[in-house]
């Protein structure tokens, strides 16, 4: 999902994820990304969404292991999205 945002040049949620200093910032970035993707889907664009359990697992990992995991997701998503774009 985040790599799709990069491909579409919507960097805000990915940047927020990369700059997160606490789990609340990660949740905000994830919320913004989901909202953007839902808007795209309403326009008829097919964008894969993570499942509810995937979102919960990610947020639990951030809580347990720290925001570094969110930063890693942001960097990998940026690299993947740039290659796709």
C-alpha atoms as a PDB file:
ATOM      1  CA  UNK A   1       0.000   0.000   0.000  1.00  0.00           C
ATOM      2  CA  UNK A   2       2.760   2.480   0.895  1.00  0.00           C
ATOM      3  CA  UNK A   3       4.666   1.632  -2.283  1.00  0.00           C
ATOM      4  CA  UNK A   4       1.510   2.431  -4.264  1.00  0.00           C
ATOM      5  CA  UNK A   5       1.465   5.866  -2.624  1.00  0.00           C
ATOM      6  CA  UNK A   6       5.074   6.461  -3.642  1.00  0.00           C
ATOM      7  CA  UNK A   7       4.315   5.338  -7.195  1.00  0.00           C
ATOM      8  CA  UNK A   8       1.488   7.887  -7.270  1.00  0.00           C
ATOM      9  CA  UNK A   9       3.795  10.558  -5.782  1.00  0.00           C
ATOM     10  CA  UNK A  10       1.740  10.797  -2.575  1.00  0.00           C
ATOM     11  CA  UNK A  11       4.665  10.963  -0.181  1.00  0.00           C
ATOM     12  CA  UNK A  12       3.004  12.436   2.928  1.00  0.00           C
ATOM     13  CA  UNK A  13       1.994   9.210   4.703  1.00  0.00           C
ATOM     14  CA  UNK A  14       5.269   7.497   3.764  1.00  0.00           C
ATOM     15  CA  UNK A  15       7.311  10.461   5.011  1.00  0.00           C
ATOM     16  CA  UNK A  16       5.300  10.518   8.230  1.00  0.00           C
ATOM     17  CA  UNK A  17       5.945   6.814   8.687  1.00  0.00           C
ATOM     18  CA  UNK A  18       9.672   7.330   8.134  1.00  0.00           C
ATOM     19  CA  UNK A  19       9.794  10.208  10.622  1.00  0.00           C
ATOM     20  CA  UNK A  20       7.711   8.542  13.313  1.00  0.00           C
ATOM     21  CA  UNK A  21       9.086   8.939  16.795  1.00  0.00           C
ATOM     22  CA  UNK A  22       6.340   7.052  18.602  1.00  0.00           C
ATOM     23  CA  UNK A  23       3.582   4.539  17.872  1.00  0.00           C
ATOM     24  CA  UNK A  24       0.944   7.294  17.674  1.00  0.00           C
ATOM     25  CA  UNK A  25       2.717   8.830  14.685  1.00  0.00           C
ATOM     26  CA  UNK A  26       2.850   5.407  13.030  1.00  0.00           C
ATOM     27  CA  UNK A  27      -0.894   4.986  13.561  1.00  0.00           C
ATOM     28  CA  UNK A  28      -1.528   8.429  12.059  1.00  0.00           C
ATOM     29  CA  UNK A  29       0.572   7.641   8.973  1.00  0.00           C
ATOM     30  CA  UNK A  30      -1.224   4.330   8.540  1.00  0.00           C
ATOM     31  CA  UNK A  31      -4.612   6.012   8.932  1.00  0.00           C
ATOM     32  CA  UNK A  32      -3.765   8.625   6.288  1.00  0.00           C
ATOM     33  CA  UNK A  33      -2.518   5.961   3.888  1.00  0.00           C
ATOM     34  CA  UNK A  34      -5.670   3.900   4.320  1.00  0.00           C
ATOM     35  CA  UNK A  35      -7.888   6.945   3.805  1.00  0.00           C
ATOM     36  CA  UNK A  36      -6.077   7.860   0.589  1.00  0.00           C
ATOM     37  CA  UNK A  37      -6.311   4.318  -0.754  1.00  0.00           C
ATOM     38  CA  UNK A  38     -10.025   4.127   0.086  1.00  0.00           C
ATOM     39  CA  UNK A  39     -10.559   7.334  -1.880  1.00  0.00           C
ATOM     40  CA  UNK A  40      -8.696   5.840  -4.823  1.00  0.00           C
ATOM     41  CA  UNK A  41     -10.788   2.682  -4.653  1.00  0.00           C
ATOM     42  CA  UNK A  42     -13.972   4.758  -4.764  1.00  0.00           C
ATOM     43  CA  UNK A  43     -12.661   6.175  -8.055  1.00  0.00           C
ATOM     44  CA  UNK A  44     -12.356   2.629  -9.398  1.00  0.00           C
ATOM     45  CA  UNK A  45      -8.609   2.211  -8.893  1.00  0.00           C
ATOM     46  CA  UNK A  46      -7.561  -1.237  -7.719  1.00  0.00           C
ATOM     47  CA  UNK A  47      -5.191  -0.904  -4.797  1.00  0.00           C
ATOM     48  CA  UNK A  48      -4.569  -3.877  -2.526  1.00  0.00           C
ATOM     49  CA  UNK A  49      -5.341  -3.152   1.110  1.00  0.00           C
ATOM     50  CA  UNK A  50      -3.778  -4.934   4.055  1.00  0.00           C
ATOM     51  CA  UNK A  51      -6.154  -7.132   6.000  1.00  0.00           C
ATOM     52  CA  UNK A  52      -7.333  -6.107   9.444  1.00  0.00           C
ATOM     53  CA  UNK A  53      -5.099  -8.775  10.977  1.00  0.00           C
ATOM     54  CA  UNK A  54      -2.081  -7.498   9.012  1.00  0.00           C
ATOM     55  CA  UNK A  55      -2.712  -3.980  10.295  1.00  0.00           C
ATOM     56  CA  UNK A  56      -3.039  -5.263  13.856  1.00  0.00           C
ATOM     57  CA  UNK A  57       0.156  -7.332  13.528  1.00  0.00           C
ATOM     58  CA  UNK A  58       2.068  -4.346  12.194  1.00  0.00           C
ATOM     59  CA  UNK A  59       0.864  -2.056  14.977  1.00  0.00           C
ATOM     60  CA  UNK A  60       1.647  -4.693  17.608  1.00  0.00           C
ATOM     61  CA  UNK A  61       5.153  -5.083  16.169  1.00  0.00           C
ATOM     62  CA  UNK A  62       5.650  -1.317  16.368  1.00  0.00           C
ATOM     63  CA  UNK A  63       4.485  -1.348  20.001  1.00  0.00           C
ATOM     64  CA  UNK A  64       6.787  -4.246  20.927  1.00  0.00           C
ATOM     65  CA  UNK A  65       9.856  -3.632  18.766  1.00  0.00           C
ATOM     66  CA  UNK A  66       9.738   0.131  18.332  1.00  0.00           C
ATOM     67  CA  UNK A  67       9.191   2.581  15.508  1.00  0.00           C
ATOM     68  CA  UNK A  68      12.291   1.351  13.687  1.00  0.00           C
ATOM     69  CA  UNK A  69      10.160  -1.315  12.054  1.00  0.00           C
ATOM     70  CA  UNK A  70       7.871   1.403  10.664  1.00  0.00           C
ATOM     71  CA  UNK A  71      10.875   3.280   9.304  1.00  0.00           C
ATOM     72  CA  UNK A  72      12.052   0.098   7.609  1.00  0.00           C
ATOM     73  CA  UNK A  73       8.626  -0.320   5.987  1.00  0.00           C
ATOM     74  CA  UNK A  74       8.839   3.280   4.766  1.00  0.00           C
ATOM     75  CA  UNK A  75      12.291   2.805   3.209  1.00  0.00           C
ATOM     76  CA  UNK A  76      11.364  -0.477   1.515  1.00  0.00           C
ATOM     77  CA  UNK A  77       8.107   1.040   0.253  1.00  0.00           C
ATOM     78  CA  UNK A  78       9.960   4.052  -1.108  1.00  0.00           C
ATOM     79  CA  UNK A  79      12.426   1.864  -2.990  1.00  0.00           C
ATOM     80  CA  UNK A  80       9.694  -0.373  -4.378  1.00  0.00           C
ATOM     81  CA  UNK A  81       7.448   2.525  -5.335  1.00  0.00           C
ATOM     82  CA  UNK A  82      10.250   4.361  -7.130  1.00  0.00           C
ATOM     83  CA  UNK A  83      11.010   1.253  -9.181  1.00  0.00           C
ATOM     84  CA  UNK A  84       7.336   0.891 -10.115  1.00  0.00           C
ATOM     85  CA  UNK A  85       6.876   4.544 -11.008  1.00  0.00           C
END
